[in-house]
């Protein structure tokens, strides 16, 4: 099973959509909430080069945000990564 990490904020609708897609696929993920956690936010920015949430990593590979995740799924690239 793939190791999935997703940096999120509680109020983020894109985070909810990304998590819903992963749940729909039966993928377990480690949610890293960065609300009010400057250290976790810095870690996310360092890893992804981006300041927006969600930021999604599958087996330490940066996937991107919600739109990136849906685009990857749209071109049938997500399922193979989840099976890894």
C-alpha atoms as a PDB file:
ATOM      1  CA  UNK A   1       0.000   0.000   0.000  1.00  0.00           C
ATOM      2  CA  UNK A   2       1.251   3.457  -0.904  1.00  0.00           C
ATOM      3  CA  UNK A   3       2.306   5.887   1.822  1.00  0.00           C
ATOM      4  CA  UNK A   4       0.122   8.964   1.282  1.00  0.00           C
ATOM      5  CA  UNK A   5       0.644  12.246   3.121  1.00  0.00           C
ATOM      6  CA  UNK A   6      -1.669  15.204   2.712  1.00  0.00           C
ATOM      7  CA  UNK A   7      -1.090  18.622   4.257  1.00  0.00           C
ATOM      8  CA  UNK A   8      -4.435  20.255   5.052  1.00  0.00           C
ATOM      9  CA  UNK A   9      -6.314  23.031   6.812  1.00  0.00           C
ATOM     10  CA  UNK A  10      -9.699  22.448   8.456  1.00  0.00           C
ATOM     11  CA  UNK A  11     -11.439  25.234   6.495  1.00  0.00           C
ATOM     12  CA  UNK A  12     -10.086  24.248   3.069  1.00  0.00           C
ATOM     13  CA  UNK A  13     -12.725  22.979   0.582  1.00  0.00           C
ATOM     14  CA  UNK A  14      -9.999  21.668  -1.765  1.00  0.00           C
ATOM     15  CA  UNK A  15      -8.605  19.552   1.083  1.00  0.00           C
ATOM     16  CA  UNK A  16     -12.052  18.048   1.613  1.00  0.00           C
ATOM     17  CA  UNK A  17     -12.344  17.220  -2.120  1.00  0.00           C
ATOM     18  CA  UNK A  18      -8.869  15.674  -2.291  1.00  0.00           C
ATOM     19  CA  UNK A  19      -9.487  13.547   0.822  1.00  0.00           C
ATOM     20  CA  UNK A  20     -12.887  12.471  -0.560  1.00  0.00           C
ATOM     21  CA  UNK A  21     -11.249  11.245  -3.786  1.00  0.00           C
ATOM     22  CA  UNK A  22      -8.627   9.274  -1.860  1.00  0.00           C
ATOM     23  CA  UNK A  23     -11.296   7.777   0.432  1.00  0.00           C
ATOM     24  CA  UNK A  24     -13.428   6.875  -2.600  1.00  0.00           C
ATOM     25  CA  UNK A  25     -10.422   4.945  -3.932  1.00  0.00           C
ATOM     26  CA  UNK A  26     -10.031   3.174  -0.589  1.00  0.00           C
ATOM     27  CA  UNK A  27      -6.643   4.785   0.021  1.00  0.00           C
ATOM     28  CA  UNK A  28      -5.494   5.329   3.596  1.00  0.00           C
ATOM     29  CA  UNK A  29      -3.615   8.583   4.138  1.00  0.00           C
ATOM     30  CA  UNK A  30      -1.772  10.451   6.839  1.00  0.00           C
ATOM     31  CA  UNK A  31      -3.344  13.884   7.233  1.00  0.00           C
ATOM     32  CA  UNK A  32      -0.985  16.590   8.447  1.00  0.00           C
ATOM     33  CA  UNK A  33      -3.029  19.579   9.653  1.00  0.00           C
ATOM     34  CA  UNK A  34      -1.071  22.822   9.402  1.00  0.00           C
ATOM     35  CA  UNK A  35      -3.698  25.096  10.988  1.00  0.00           C
ATOM     36  CA  UNK A  36      -1.767  27.339  13.355  1.00  0.00           C
ATOM     37  CA  UNK A  37       1.319  25.113  13.114  1.00  0.00           C
ATOM     38  CA  UNK A  38       4.091  27.224  11.615  1.00  0.00           C
ATOM     39  CA  UNK A  39       6.583  24.354  11.830  1.00  0.00           C
ATOM     40  CA  UNK A  40       4.396  21.955   9.818  1.00  0.00           C
ATOM     41  CA  UNK A  41       3.612  24.731   7.317  1.00  0.00           C
ATOM     42  CA  UNK A  42       7.343  25.397   6.821  1.00  0.00           C
ATOM     43  CA  UNK A  43       7.946  21.666   6.367  1.00  0.00           C
ATOM     44  CA  UNK A  44       5.207  21.553   3.698  1.00  0.00           C
ATOM     45  CA  UNK A  45       6.640  24.571   1.834  1.00  0.00           C
ATOM     46  CA  UNK A  46      10.143  23.098   1.973  1.00  0.00           C
ATOM     47  CA  UNK A  47       8.921  19.766   0.586  1.00  0.00           C
ATOM     48  CA  UNK A  48       6.518  21.086  -2.055  1.00  0.00           C
ATOM     49  CA  UNK A  49       7.765  24.556  -2.948  1.00  0.00           C
ATOM     50  CA  UNK A  50       4.148  25.718  -2.545  1.00  0.00           C
ATOM     51  CA  UNK A  51       2.285  27.671   0.115  1.00  0.00           C
ATOM     52  CA  UNK A  52      -1.256  26.461  -0.609  1.00  0.00           C
ATOM     53  CA  UNK A  53      -3.103  23.437   0.770  1.00  0.00           C
ATOM     54  CA  UNK A  54      -3.654  20.653   0.155  1.00  0.00           C
ATOM     55  CA  UNK A  55      -0.196  19.384  -0.780  1.00  0.00           C
ATOM     56  CA  UNK A  56      -0.231  15.694  -1.515  1.00  0.00           C
ATOM     57  CA  UNK A  57       2.669  13.244  -1.473  1.00  0.00           C
ATOM     58  CA  UNK A  58       2.467   9.594  -2.517  1.00  0.00           C
ATOM     59  CA  UNK A  59       5.499   7.543  -1.485  1.00  0.00           C
ATOM     60  CA  UNK A  60       7.399  10.836  -0.940  1.00  0.00           C
ATOM     61  CA  UNK A  61       6.679  11.923  -4.540  1.00  0.00           C
ATOM     62  CA  UNK A  62       5.051  15.374  -4.672  1.00  0.00           C
ATOM     63  CA  UNK A  63       1.729  15.124  -6.517  1.00  0.00           C
ATOM     64  CA  UNK A  64       0.621  18.697  -5.931  1.00  0.00           C
ATOM     65  CA  UNK A  65      -2.728  20.080  -4.868  1.00  0.00           C
ATOM     66  CA  UNK A  66      -6.349  19.077  -5.342  1.00  0.00           C
ATOM     67  CA  UNK A  67      -6.512  19.975  -9.051  1.00  0.00           C
ATOM     68  CA  UNK A  68      -3.265  18.085  -9.664  1.00  0.00           C
ATOM     69  CA  UNK A  69      -4.670  15.008  -7.905  1.00  0.00           C
ATOM     70  CA  UNK A  70      -7.886  15.079  -9.969  1.00  0.00           C
ATOM     71  CA  UNK A  71      -5.908  15.662 -13.194  1.00  0.00           C
ATOM     72  CA  UNK A  72      -3.670  12.694 -12.369  1.00  0.00           C
ATOM     73  CA  UNK A  73      -6.760  10.562 -11.763  1.00  0.00           C
ATOM     74  CA  UNK A  74      -8.317  11.861 -14.999  1.00  0.00           C
ATOM     75  CA  UNK A  75      -5.390  10.555 -17.025  1.00  0.00           C
ATOM     76  CA  UNK A  76      -5.446   7.213 -15.150  1.00  0.00           C
ATOM     77  CA  UNK A  77      -2.189   7.956 -13.331  1.00  0.00           C
ATOM     78  CA  UNK A  78      -3.466   7.843  -9.748  1.00  0.00           C
ATOM     79  CA  UNK A  79      -4.515   4.200  -9.376  1.00  0.00           C
ATOM     80  CA  UNK A  80      -1.065   2.767 -10.293  1.00  0.00           C
ATOM     81  CA  UNK A  81       0.553   5.018  -7.651  1.00  0.00           C
ATOM     82  CA  UNK A  82      -1.960   3.917  -5.020  1.00  0.00           C
ATOM     83  CA  UNK A  83      -1.270   0.256  -5.763  1.00  0.00           C
ATOM     84  CA  UNK A  84       2.497   0.686  -5.401  1.00  0.00           C
END
